[in-house]
Amino acid sequence: MLTPVELETVIFRRGMRGYKVREVQSFMSQISTDYEFLYRENNELKAKLDEVQTKLEQYVQKEETLRNALVLAQETAEEQIGSAKLKADIIVKEAQFQAEQMKGRVKDDIQLEIQKLTWLKSQVDLFKCQFKSFLNTLLTTAEQELDLNIVWEHLQRNPYQKSGVEPAVKEAAATAEEAPETGVPQSSNQS
């Protein structure tokens, strides 16, 4: 491409029937001016184009960076959502497991308390039975003592009479000897 300076310095040779020099120089001057304007405008446009292309490349890079950041953000969000769901599932499973353990412990505690109550009930029943036996033994002993008192009174009235009294005394003595074996304390009113 010719520069404006080269256009101005172009020299044409003269031929036989050549053009008028002034007209050619005037035309060349005008072409040189117009060409210089177009040349500068072209250079400015090229510079602007380079600048615009540079900016476009920057924008394309920024767009690519933003696109990558957006994809990364989406992946991170999906990861976070997946992680949150996994954590929620783990928390729910742990809570269910703990609830089951608590249910098991409560059942065990209830069974233990039921066993304790059953044992206490059996102890109460045993105590009732032993107390009834004690009372029955006491009643029997009291009745026997009354019988002994009768025998004693009879003996005191008739100290020498052996018939009829001796078997009653032996029977009362035998009953009195059996009383300590049943767990009933001996009465202190023995005469």
N, C-alpha and C. Protein backbone atom coordinates (compact mmCIF):
# COMPACT_ATOMS: atom_id res chain seq x y z
N MET A 1 0.85 -1.16 0.00
CA MET A 1 0.00 0.00 0.00
C MET A 1 0.91 1.24 0.00
N LEU A 2 0.52 2.19 -0.79
CA LEU A 2 1.31 3.42 -0.91
C LEU A 2 0.99 4.37 0.22
N THR A 3 1.99 5.05 0.69
CA THR A 3 1.77 6.06 1.73
C THR A 3 1.52 7.40 1.04
N PRO A 4 0.94 8.36 1.75
CA PRO A 4 0.71 9.67 1.16
C PRO A 4 2.00 10.36 0.72
N VAL A 5 3.06 10.14 1.46
CA VAL A 5 4.35 10.78 1.09
C VAL A 5 4.83 10.23 -0.25
N GLU A 6 4.66 8.90 -0.44
CA GLU A 6 5.08 8.29 -1.71
C GLU A 6 4.26 8.82 -2.86
N LEU A 7 2.98 9.08 -2.61
CA LEU A 7 2.13 9.64 -3.67
C LEU A 7 2.61 11.05 -4.05
N GLU A 8 3.01 11.81 -3.08
CA GLU A 8 3.44 13.18 -3.36
C GLU A 8 4.78 13.21 -4.11
N THR A 9 5.56 12.25 -3.87
CA THR A 9 6.89 12.28 -4.50
C THR A 9 6.95 11.53 -5.82
N VAL A 10 5.82 11.02 -6.28
CA VAL A 10 5.81 10.30 -7.55
C VAL A 10 6.08 11.33 -8.67
N ILE A 11 6.96 10.96 -9.52
CA ILE A 11 7.28 11.84 -10.65
C ILE A 11 6.98 11.04 -11.91
N PHE A 12 6.22 11.67 -12.79
CA PHE A 12 5.86 11.04 -14.05
C PHE A 12 6.83 11.53 -15.13
N ARG A 13 7.13 10.70 -16.03
CA ARG A 13 7.97 11.11 -17.14
C ARG A 13 7.12 11.76 -18.20
N ARG A 14 7.77 12.56 -18.92
CA ARG A 14 7.05 13.25 -19.97
C ARG A 14 7.19 12.47 -21.26
N GLY A 15 6.10 12.40 -21.84
CA GLY A 15 6.12 11.73 -23.13
C GLY A 15 5.76 12.74 -24.21
N MET A 16 5.57 12.32 -25.35
CA MET A 16 5.29 13.20 -26.45
C MET A 16 3.99 13.92 -26.28
N ARG A 17 3.16 13.33 -26.19
CA ARG A 17 1.88 14.00 -26.03
C ARG A 17 1.44 13.79 -24.61
N GLY A 18 1.97 14.28 -23.68
CA GLY A 18 1.67 14.08 -22.29
C GLY A 18 0.56 14.97 -21.80
N TYR A 19 0.21 14.69 -20.56
CA TYR A 19 -0.83 15.47 -19.93
C TYR A 19 -0.27 16.81 -19.51
N LYS A 20 -1.18 17.71 -19.21
CA LYS A 20 -0.74 19.00 -18.73
C LYS A 20 -0.23 18.81 -17.31
N VAL A 21 0.94 19.30 -17.08
CA VAL A 21 1.63 19.08 -15.83
C VAL A 21 0.85 19.67 -14.66
N ARG A 22 0.32 20.85 -14.80
CA ARG A 22 -0.42 21.48 -13.69
C ARG A 22 -1.65 20.71 -13.33
N GLU A 23 -2.37 20.24 -14.28
CA GLU A 23 -3.59 19.51 -14.01
C GLU A 23 -3.24 18.19 -13.29
N VAL A 24 -2.19 17.54 -13.78
CA VAL A 24 -1.78 16.27 -13.18
C VAL A 24 -1.32 16.54 -11.76
N GLN A 25 -0.52 17.59 -11.54
CA GLN A 25 -0.03 17.90 -10.20
C GLN A 25 -1.18 18.29 -9.29
N SER A 26 -2.14 19.06 -9.80
CA SER A 26 -3.30 19.46 -9.01
C SER A 26 -4.11 18.22 -8.65
N PHE A 27 -4.30 17.33 -9.66
CA PHE A 27 -5.06 16.12 -9.41
C PHE A 27 -4.31 15.23 -8.39
N MET A 28 -2.99 15.13 -8.56
CA MET A 28 -2.19 14.33 -7.66
C MET A 28 -2.20 14.92 -6.27
N SER A 29 -2.21 16.22 -6.17
CA SER A 29 -2.25 16.87 -4.87
C SER A 29 -3.56 16.53 -4.17
N GLN A 30 -4.65 16.62 -4.94
CA GLN A 30 -5.97 16.29 -4.36
C GLN A 30 -6.02 14.82 -3.98
N ILE A 31 -5.55 13.93 -4.84
CA ILE A 31 -5.55 12.50 -4.54
C ILE A 31 -4.67 12.25 -3.32
N SER A 32 -3.55 12.92 -3.26
CA SER A 32 -2.65 12.74 -2.12
C SER A 32 -3.32 13.18 -0.84
N THR A 33 -4.05 14.29 -0.85
CA THR A 33 -4.76 14.78 0.33
C THR A 33 -5.84 13.77 0.73
N ASP A 34 -6.63 13.37 -0.27
CA ASP A 34 -7.72 12.42 0.02
C ASP A 34 -7.14 11.08 0.50
N TYR A 35 -6.07 10.66 -0.17
CA TYR A 35 -5.46 9.40 0.19
C TYR A 35 -4.89 9.48 1.61
N GLU A 36 -4.27 10.62 1.94
CA GLU A 36 -3.72 10.81 3.28
C GLU A 36 -4.84 10.73 4.31
N PHE A 37 -5.98 11.36 4.02
CA PHE A 37 -7.13 11.31 4.93
C PHE A 37 -7.60 9.86 5.10
N LEU A 38 -7.74 9.19 3.96
CA LEU A 38 -8.21 7.79 4.02
C LEU A 38 -7.18 6.90 4.73
N TYR A 39 -5.88 7.16 4.48
CA TYR A 39 -4.81 6.39 5.09
C TYR A 39 -4.85 6.55 6.61
N ARG A 40 -4.97 7.80 7.08
CA ARG A 40 -5.04 8.06 8.52
C ARG A 40 -6.29 7.43 9.12
N GLU A 41 -7.41 7.63 8.40
CA GLU A 41 -8.68 7.06 8.89
C GLU A 41 -8.56 5.53 8.97
N ASN A 42 -7.93 4.95 7.96
CA ASN A 42 -7.74 3.50 7.95
C ASN A 42 -6.87 3.07 9.14
N ASN A 43 -5.79 3.81 9.39
CA ASN A 43 -4.92 3.49 10.53
C ASN A 43 -5.67 3.65 11.85
N GLU A 44 -6.47 4.70 11.96
CA GLU A 44 -7.27 4.90 13.19
C GLU A 44 -8.27 3.77 13.37
N LEU A 45 -8.92 3.42 12.24
CA LEU A 45 -9.89 2.33 12.31
C LEU A 45 -9.21 1.01 12.68
N LYS A 46 -8.01 0.77 12.13
CA LYS A 46 -7.27 -0.45 12.50
C LYS A 46 -6.92 -0.43 13.99
N ALA A 47 -6.49 0.75 14.48
CA ALA A 47 -6.16 0.85 15.90
C ALA A 47 -7.40 0.61 16.75
N LYS A 48 -8.52 1.23 16.32
CA LYS A 48 -9.78 1.01 17.05
C LYS A 48 -10.19 -0.47 16.99
N LEU A 49 -10.01 -1.04 15.79
CA LEU A 49 -10.36 -2.45 15.63
C LEU A 49 -9.50 -3.32 16.55
N ASP A 50 -8.19 -3.02 16.60
CA ASP A 50 -7.31 -3.77 17.50
C ASP A 50 -7.76 -3.61 18.96
N GLU A 51 -8.11 -2.36 19.30
CA GLU A 51 -8.58 -2.08 20.67
C GLU A 51 -9.87 -2.83 20.96
N VAL A 52 -10.77 -2.78 19.98
CA VAL A 52 -12.05 -3.48 20.15
C VAL A 52 -11.82 -4.99 20.24
N GLN A 53 -10.92 -5.51 19.40
CA GLN A 53 -10.63 -6.95 19.45
C GLN A 53 -9.99 -7.33 20.78
N THR A 54 -9.11 -6.45 21.28
CA THR A 54 -8.51 -6.71 22.58
C THR A 54 -9.59 -6.74 23.66
N LYS A 55 -10.48 -5.73 23.63
CA LYS A 55 -11.58 -5.70 24.59
C LYS A 55 -12.48 -6.91 24.42
N LEU A 56 -12.74 -7.26 23.15
CA LEU A 56 -13.59 -8.43 22.89
C LEU A 56 -12.95 -9.68 23.47
N GLU A 57 -11.65 -9.84 23.28
CA GLU A 57 -10.96 -10.99 23.85
C GLU A 57 -11.05 -10.97 25.38
N GLN A 58 -10.92 -9.77 25.95
CA GLN A 58 -11.04 -9.65 27.41
C GLN A 58 -12.45 -10.05 27.84
N TYR A 59 -13.45 -9.54 27.09
CA TYR A 59 -14.84 -9.89 27.42
C TYR A 59 -15.09 -11.38 27.25
N VAL A 60 -14.51 -11.96 26.20
CA VAL A 60 -14.67 -13.40 25.98
C VAL A 60 -14.03 -14.16 27.14
N GLN A 61 -12.83 -13.69 27.56
CA GLN A 61 -12.18 -14.34 28.70
C GLN A 61 -13.01 -14.17 29.97
N LYS A 62 -13.53 -12.95 30.16
CA LYS A 62 -14.38 -12.72 31.33
C LYS A 62 -15.63 -13.58 31.27
N GLU A 63 -16.20 -13.67 30.06
CA GLU A 63 -17.40 -14.50 29.90
C GLU A 63 -17.08 -15.95 30.22
N GLU A 64 -15.94 -16.42 29.72
CA GLU A 64 -15.53 -17.79 29.99
C GLU A 64 -15.29 -17.99 31.49
N THR A 65 -14.63 -17.00 32.11
CA THR A 65 -14.39 -17.06 33.54
C THR A 65 -15.71 -17.09 34.31
N LEU A 66 -16.63 -16.19 33.89
CA LEU A 66 -17.95 -16.16 34.54
C LEU A 66 -18.70 -17.47 34.32
N ARG A 67 -18.60 -18.00 33.12
CA ARG A 67 -19.28 -19.27 32.81
C ARG A 67 -18.70 -20.38 33.70
N ASN A 68 -17.36 -20.40 33.79
CA ASN A 68 -16.72 -21.41 34.64
C ASN A 68 -17.10 -21.21 36.10
N ALA A 69 -17.14 -19.93 36.53
CA ALA A 69 -17.53 -19.64 37.91
C ALA A 69 -18.97 -20.07 38.15
N LEU A 70 -19.83 -19.82 37.16
CA LEU A 70 -21.24 -20.22 37.29
C LEU A 70 -21.37 -21.74 37.38
N VAL A 71 -20.63 -22.44 36.51
CA VAL A 71 -20.67 -23.90 36.54
C VAL A 71 -20.13 -24.39 37.88
N LEU A 72 -19.02 -23.79 38.33
CA LEU A 72 -18.45 -24.17 39.62
C LEU A 72 -19.43 -23.89 40.75
N ALA A 73 -20.10 -22.73 40.68
CA ALA A 73 -21.08 -22.38 41.71
C ALA A 73 -22.24 -23.38 41.71
N GLN A 74 -22.69 -23.76 40.51
CA GLN A 74 -23.78 -24.75 40.42
C GLN A 74 -23.33 -26.09 40.99
N GLU A 75 -22.11 -26.50 40.63
CA GLU A 75 -21.59 -27.77 41.15
C GLU A 75 -21.45 -27.70 42.67
N THR A 76 -20.95 -26.56 43.15
CA THR A 76 -20.79 -26.39 44.60
C THR A 76 -22.15 -26.40 45.28
N ALA A 77 -23.12 -25.72 44.67
CA ALA A 77 -24.47 -25.71 45.25
C ALA A 77 -25.05 -27.12 45.27
N GLU A 78 -24.87 -27.85 44.18
CA GLU A 78 -25.38 -29.22 44.14
C GLU A 78 -24.66 -30.09 45.17
N GLU A 79 -23.34 -29.86 45.31
CA GLU A 79 -22.58 -30.59 46.33
C GLU A 79 -23.09 -30.27 47.72
N GLN A 80 -23.32 -28.97 47.96
CA GLN A 80 -23.81 -28.54 49.27
C GLN A 80 -25.19 -29.14 49.54
N ILE A 81 -26.03 -29.14 48.52
CA ILE A 81 -27.38 -29.71 48.69
C ILE A 81 -27.27 -31.20 48.98
N GLY A 82 -26.42 -31.89 48.20
CA GLY A 82 -26.22 -33.32 48.44
C GLY A 82 -25.65 -33.58 49.82
N SER A 83 -24.67 -32.76 50.20
CA SER A 83 -24.06 -32.91 51.53
C SER A 83 -25.09 -32.64 52.62
N ALA A 84 -25.90 -31.60 52.42
CA ALA A 84 -26.93 -31.27 53.42
C ALA A 84 -27.95 -32.40 53.53
N LYS A 85 -28.34 -32.96 52.38
CA LYS A 85 -29.29 -34.08 52.41
C LYS A 85 -28.68 -35.28 53.12
N LEU A 86 -27.40 -35.54 52.83
CA LEU A 86 -26.72 -36.66 53.48
C LEU A 86 -26.64 -36.44 54.98
N LYS A 87 -26.28 -35.20 55.38
CA LYS A 87 -26.21 -34.89 56.81
C LYS A 87 -27.59 -35.02 57.45
N ALA A 88 -28.62 -34.54 56.74
CA ALA A 88 -29.98 -34.64 57.28
C ALA A 88 -30.37 -36.11 57.45
N ASP A 89 -30.03 -36.94 56.46
CA ASP A 89 -30.34 -38.37 56.55
C ASP A 89 -29.60 -38.99 57.74
N ILE A 90 -28.33 -38.61 57.90
CA ILE A 90 -27.54 -39.15 59.01
C ILE A 90 -28.15 -38.72 60.34
N ILE A 91 -28.54 -37.44 60.43
CA ILE A 91 -29.14 -36.94 61.68
C ILE A 91 -30.44 -37.67 61.97
N VAL A 92 -31.26 -37.88 60.93
CA VAL A 92 -32.53 -38.58 61.12
C VAL A 92 -32.27 -40.02 61.57
N LYS A 93 -31.30 -40.68 60.91
CA LYS A 93 -31.00 -42.07 61.28
C LYS A 93 -30.46 -42.15 62.71
N GLU A 94 -29.58 -41.19 63.07
CA GLU A 94 -29.06 -41.18 64.43
C GLU A 94 -30.18 -40.95 65.44
N ALA A 95 -31.08 -40.03 65.10
CA ALA A 95 -32.21 -39.75 66.01
C ALA A 95 -33.09 -40.99 66.15
N GLN A 96 -33.34 -41.68 65.03
CA GLN A 96 -34.14 -42.90 65.09
C GLN A 96 -33.43 -43.97 65.91
N PHE A 97 -32.12 -44.09 65.70
CA PHE A 97 -31.34 -45.08 66.45
C PHE A 97 -31.38 -44.75 67.94
N GLN A 98 -31.19 -43.49 68.28
CA GLN A 98 -31.23 -43.08 69.69
C GLN A 98 -32.62 -43.30 70.27
N ALA A 99 -33.65 -43.02 69.46
CA ALA A 99 -35.01 -43.24 69.94
C ALA A 99 -35.24 -44.73 70.21
N GLU A 100 -34.74 -45.58 69.30
CA GLU A 100 -34.88 -47.02 69.51
C GLU A 100 -34.12 -47.47 70.76
N GLN A 101 -32.92 -46.91 70.94
CA GLN A 101 -32.16 -47.25 72.14
C GLN A 101 -32.91 -46.81 73.40
N MET A 102 -33.47 -45.59 73.35
CA MET A 102 -34.22 -45.10 74.50
C MET A 102 -35.44 -45.98 74.76
N LYS A 103 -36.14 -46.38 73.68
CA LYS A 103 -37.28 -47.27 73.84
C LYS A 103 -36.83 -48.57 74.51
N GLY A 104 -35.70 -49.11 74.02
CA GLY A 104 -35.19 -50.36 74.61
C GLY A 104 -34.85 -50.19 76.08
N ARG A 105 -34.20 -49.06 76.41
CA ARG A 105 -33.85 -48.82 77.82
C ARG A 105 -35.11 -48.66 78.66
N VAL A 106 -36.10 -47.93 78.10
CA VAL A 106 -37.35 -47.74 78.85
C VAL A 106 -38.04 -49.09 79.05
N LYS A 107 -38.05 -49.93 77.99
CA LYS A 107 -38.65 -51.26 78.12
C LYS A 107 -37.92 -52.07 79.19
N ASP A 108 -36.58 -52.00 79.12
CA ASP A 108 -35.79 -52.73 80.14
C ASP A 108 -36.10 -52.21 81.53
N ASP A 109 -36.17 -50.88 81.67
CA ASP A 109 -36.48 -50.28 82.98
C ASP A 109 -37.87 -50.72 83.45
N ILE A 110 -38.82 -50.72 82.51
CA ILE A 110 -40.19 -51.13 82.87
C ILE A 110 -40.19 -52.60 83.30
N GLN A 111 -39.47 -53.46 82.55
CA GLN A 111 -39.40 -54.88 82.91
C GLN A 111 -38.76 -55.04 84.29
N LEU A 112 -37.70 -54.29 84.53
CA LEU A 112 -37.03 -54.36 85.82
C LEU A 112 -37.97 -53.93 86.94
N GLU A 113 -38.70 -52.83 86.71
CA GLU A 113 -39.64 -52.36 87.72
C GLU A 113 -40.77 -53.38 87.93
N ILE A 114 -41.23 -53.99 86.82
CA ILE A 114 -42.26 -55.03 86.95
C ILE A 114 -41.73 -56.21 87.76
N GLN A 115 -40.47 -56.59 87.48
CA GLN A 115 -39.86 -57.68 88.25
C GLN A 115 -39.75 -57.31 89.73
N LYS A 116 -39.33 -56.06 89.98
CA LYS A 116 -39.24 -55.61 91.38
C LYS A 116 -40.61 -55.65 92.04
N LEU A 117 -41.64 -55.14 91.32
CA LEU A 117 -42.99 -55.15 91.88
C LEU A 117 -43.48 -56.57 92.12
N THR A 118 -43.17 -57.45 91.15
CA THR A 118 -43.57 -58.86 91.32
C THR A 118 -42.88 -59.46 92.55
N TRP A 119 -41.58 -59.19 92.68
CA TRP A 119 -40.85 -59.68 93.84
C TRP A 119 -41.42 -59.12 95.13
N LEU A 120 -41.70 -57.78 95.10
CA LEU A 120 -42.28 -57.17 96.31
C LEU A 120 -43.65 -57.77 96.62
N LYS A 121 -44.45 -58.02 95.58
CA LYS A 121 -45.76 -58.62 95.80
C LYS A 121 -45.60 -60.02 96.40
N SER A 122 -44.61 -60.78 95.85
CA SER A 122 -44.40 -62.12 96.41
C SER A 122 -43.92 -62.02 97.86
N GLN A 123 -43.08 -61.00 98.15
CA GLN A 123 -42.62 -60.80 99.52
C GLN A 123 -43.79 -60.44 100.44
N VAL A 124 -44.70 -59.59 99.92
CA VAL A 124 -45.88 -59.22 100.71
C VAL A 124 -46.75 -60.46 100.94
N ASP A 125 -46.93 -61.24 99.86
CA ASP A 125 -47.73 -62.46 100.00
C ASP A 125 -47.07 -63.43 100.99
N LEU A 126 -45.74 -63.56 100.89
CA LEU A 126 -45.01 -64.42 101.81
C LEU A 126 -45.15 -63.91 103.25
N PHE A 127 -45.02 -62.59 103.39
CA PHE A 127 -45.16 -62.01 104.72
C PHE A 127 -46.56 -62.26 105.26
N LYS A 128 -47.57 -62.07 104.40
CA LYS A 128 -48.95 -62.32 104.83
C LYS A 128 -49.10 -63.77 105.29
N CYS A 129 -48.56 -64.66 104.46
CA CYS A 129 -48.67 -66.09 104.79
C CYS A 129 -47.96 -66.39 106.11
N GLN A 130 -46.73 -65.86 106.25
CA GLN A 130 -45.97 -66.09 107.48
C GLN A 130 -46.68 -65.44 108.67
N PHE A 131 -47.22 -64.24 108.44
CA PHE A 131 -47.90 -63.55 109.53
C PHE A 131 -49.16 -64.31 109.94
N LYS A 132 -49.89 -64.82 108.92
CA LYS A 132 -51.08 -65.62 109.24
C LYS A 132 -50.67 -66.88 110.00
N SER A 133 -49.59 -67.51 109.54
CA SER A 133 -49.11 -68.71 110.22
C SER A 133 -48.70 -68.37 111.65
N PHE A 134 -48.01 -67.22 111.78
CA PHE A 134 -47.61 -66.78 113.11
C PHE A 134 -48.83 -66.56 113.99
N LEU A 135 -49.81 -65.85 113.41
CA LEU A 135 -51.03 -65.57 114.18
C LEU A 135 -51.76 -66.88 114.53
N ASN A 136 -51.81 -67.79 113.55
CA ASN A 136 -52.46 -69.07 113.82
C ASN A 136 -51.72 -69.84 114.90
N THR A 137 -50.37 -69.81 114.81
CA THR A 137 -49.57 -70.48 115.84
C THR A 137 -49.78 -69.81 117.17
N LEU A 138 -49.82 -68.50 117.17
CA LEU A 138 -50.05 -67.75 118.40
C LEU A 138 -51.42 -68.10 118.97
N LEU A 139 -52.39 -68.16 118.07
CA LEU A 139 -53.75 -68.50 118.51
C LEU A 139 -53.77 -69.92 119.08
N THR A 140 -53.08 -70.83 118.35
CA THR A 140 -53.02 -72.21 118.85
C THR A 140 -52.32 -72.27 120.19
N THR A 141 -51.22 -71.54 120.29
CA THR A 141 -50.48 -71.51 121.56
C THR A 141 -51.35 -70.91 122.65
N ALA A 142 -52.05 -69.85 122.28
CA ALA A 142 -52.92 -69.22 123.29
C ALA A 142 -54.01 -70.19 123.72
N GLU A 143 -54.56 -70.90 122.75
CA GLU A 143 -55.60 -71.88 123.11
C GLU A 143 -55.01 -72.99 123.96
N GLN A 144 -53.78 -73.41 123.60
CA GLN A 144 -53.13 -74.46 124.39
C GLN A 144 -52.84 -73.97 125.79
N GLU A 145 -52.42 -72.74 125.89
CA GLU A 145 -52.16 -72.19 127.22
C GLU A 145 -53.44 -72.17 128.03
N LEU A 146 -54.50 -71.85 127.35
CA LEU A 146 -55.77 -71.87 128.06
C LEU A 146 -56.08 -73.30 128.50
N ASP A 147 -55.76 -74.27 127.61
CA ASP A 147 -55.98 -75.66 127.98
C ASP A 147 -55.06 -76.06 129.14
N LEU A 148 -53.82 -75.56 129.10
CA LEU A 148 -52.89 -75.87 130.20
C LEU A 148 -53.38 -75.24 131.50
N ASN A 149 -53.89 -74.06 131.37
CA ASN A 149 -54.43 -73.41 132.57
C ASN A 149 -55.58 -74.23 133.15
N ILE A 150 -56.37 -74.75 132.23
CA ILE A 150 -57.48 -75.59 132.71
C ILE A 150 -56.92 -76.83 133.39
N VAL A 151 -55.88 -77.43 132.72
CA VAL A 151 -55.27 -78.62 133.30
C VAL A 151 -54.62 -78.26 134.63
N TRP A 152 -53.95 -77.15 134.63
CA TRP A 152 -53.27 -76.70 135.85
C TRP A 152 -54.28 -76.49 136.96
N GLU A 153 -55.36 -75.84 136.62
CA GLU A 153 -56.40 -75.63 137.63
C GLU A 153 -56.96 -76.97 138.10
N HIS A 154 -57.13 -77.85 137.15
CA HIS A 154 -57.66 -79.16 137.51
C HIS A 154 -56.69 -79.90 138.43
N LEU A 155 -55.38 -79.79 138.10
CA LEU A 155 -54.38 -80.44 138.93
C LEU A 155 -54.31 -79.81 140.32
N GLN A 156 -54.48 -78.54 140.36
CA GLN A 156 -54.42 -77.87 141.66
C GLN A 156 -55.63 -78.27 142.50
N ARG A 157 -56.70 -78.47 141.88
CA ARG A 157 -57.87 -78.88 142.64
C ARG A 157 -57.75 -80.34 143.07
N ASN A 158 -57.30 -81.13 142.17
CA ASN A 158 -57.18 -82.56 142.48
C ASN A 158 -55.73 -82.99 142.26
N PRO A 159 -54.87 -82.72 143.13
CA PRO A 159 -53.47 -83.01 142.90
C PRO A 159 -53.19 -84.49 142.84
N TYR A 160 -54.00 -85.32 143.37
CA TYR A 160 -53.66 -86.74 143.43
C TYR A 160 -54.41 -87.56 142.41
N GLN A 161 -55.21 -86.96 141.67
CA GLN A 161 -56.00 -87.70 140.69
C GLN A 161 -55.17 -87.87 139.42
N LYS A 162 -54.94 -89.12 138.99
CA LYS A 162 -54.10 -89.37 137.85
C LYS A 162 -54.93 -89.72 136.64
N SER A 163 -56.01 -90.28 136.83
CA SER A 163 -56.79 -90.73 135.68
C SER A 163 -57.39 -89.55 134.95
N GLY A 164 -57.21 -89.53 133.61
CA GLY A 164 -57.82 -88.51 132.75
C GLY A 164 -56.99 -87.26 132.64
N VAL A 165 -56.26 -86.93 133.63
CA VAL A 165 -55.51 -85.67 133.60
C VAL A 165 -54.17 -85.90 132.93
N GLU A 166 -53.57 -87.00 133.18
CA GLU A 166 -52.24 -87.25 132.67
C GLU A 166 -52.18 -87.21 131.14
N PRO A 167 -53.07 -87.83 130.40
CA PRO A 167 -52.99 -87.72 128.93
C PRO A 167 -53.18 -86.28 128.47
N ALA A 168 -54.01 -85.52 129.08
CA ALA A 168 -54.23 -84.12 128.68
C ALA A 168 -52.98 -83.31 128.92
N VAL A 169 -52.26 -83.57 130.01
CA VAL A 169 -51.03 -82.84 130.32
C VAL A 169 -49.96 -83.20 129.31
N LYS A 170 -49.85 -84.48 129.01
CA LYS A 170 -48.85 -84.92 128.04
C LYS A 170 -49.11 -84.29 126.67
N GLU A 171 -50.35 -84.26 126.30
CA GLU A 171 -50.71 -83.68 124.99
C GLU A 171 -50.40 -82.20 124.97
N ALA A 172 -50.70 -81.48 126.00
CA ALA A 172 -50.43 -80.05 126.07
C ALA A 172 -48.94 -79.81 126.07
N ALA A 173 -48.16 -80.64 126.74
CA ALA A 173 -46.71 -80.47 126.78
C ALA A 173 -46.11 -80.73 125.41
N ALA A 174 -46.61 -81.76 124.74
CA ALA A 174 -46.11 -82.08 123.40
C ALA A 174 -46.40 -80.93 122.44
N THR A 175 -47.57 -80.36 122.53
CA THR A 175 -47.94 -79.23 121.66
C THR A 175 -47.08 -78.03 121.97
N ALA A 176 -46.78 -77.83 123.24
CA ALA A 176 -45.95 -76.68 123.64
C ALA A 176 -44.53 -76.87 123.15
N GLU A 177 -44.01 -78.10 123.11
CA GLU A 177 -42.66 -78.35 122.61
C GLU A 177 -42.58 -78.14 121.11
N GLU A 178 -43.63 -78.42 120.39
CA GLU A 178 -43.64 -78.24 118.93
C GLU A 178 -43.73 -76.78 118.55
N ALA A 179 -44.26 -75.96 119.36
CA ALA A 179 -44.47 -74.54 119.04
C ALA A 179 -43.18 -73.82 118.68
N PRO A 180 -42.01 -73.98 119.36
CA PRO A 180 -40.80 -73.27 118.96
C PRO A 180 -40.31 -73.67 117.59
N GLU A 181 -40.55 -74.88 117.12
CA GLU A 181 -40.09 -75.30 115.80
C GLU A 181 -40.82 -74.57 114.69
N THR A 182 -42.01 -74.11 114.90
CA THR A 182 -42.78 -73.40 113.87
C THR A 182 -42.39 -71.95 113.78
N GLY A 183 -41.48 -71.50 114.58
CA GLY A 183 -41.02 -70.12 114.51
C GLY A 183 -41.80 -69.21 115.40
N VAL A 184 -42.65 -69.72 116.25
CA VAL A 184 -43.42 -68.87 117.15
C VAL A 184 -42.69 -68.79 118.47
N PRO A 185 -42.43 -67.63 118.99
CA PRO A 185 -41.71 -67.52 120.26
C PRO A 185 -42.53 -68.13 121.39
N GLN A 186 -41.83 -68.76 122.34
CA GLN A 186 -42.53 -69.38 123.47
C GLN A 186 -43.07 -68.31 124.36
N SER A 187 -44.20 -68.62 124.91
CA SER A 187 -44.82 -67.61 125.76
C SER A 187 -44.13 -67.60 127.12
N SER A 188 -44.05 -66.49 127.73
CA SER A 188 -43.39 -66.34 129.01
C SER A 188 -44.35 -66.57 130.18
N ASN A 189 -45.63 -66.88 129.85
CA ASN A 189 -46.63 -67.10 130.89
C ASN A 189 -46.74 -68.55 131.26
N GLN A 190 -45.73 -69.36 130.95
CA GLN A 190 -45.82 -70.77 131.32
C GLN A 190 -45.73 -70.90 132.83
N SER A 191 -46.58 -71.71 133.41
CA SER A 191 -46.62 -71.85 134.87
C SER A 191 -46.07 -73.17 135.27
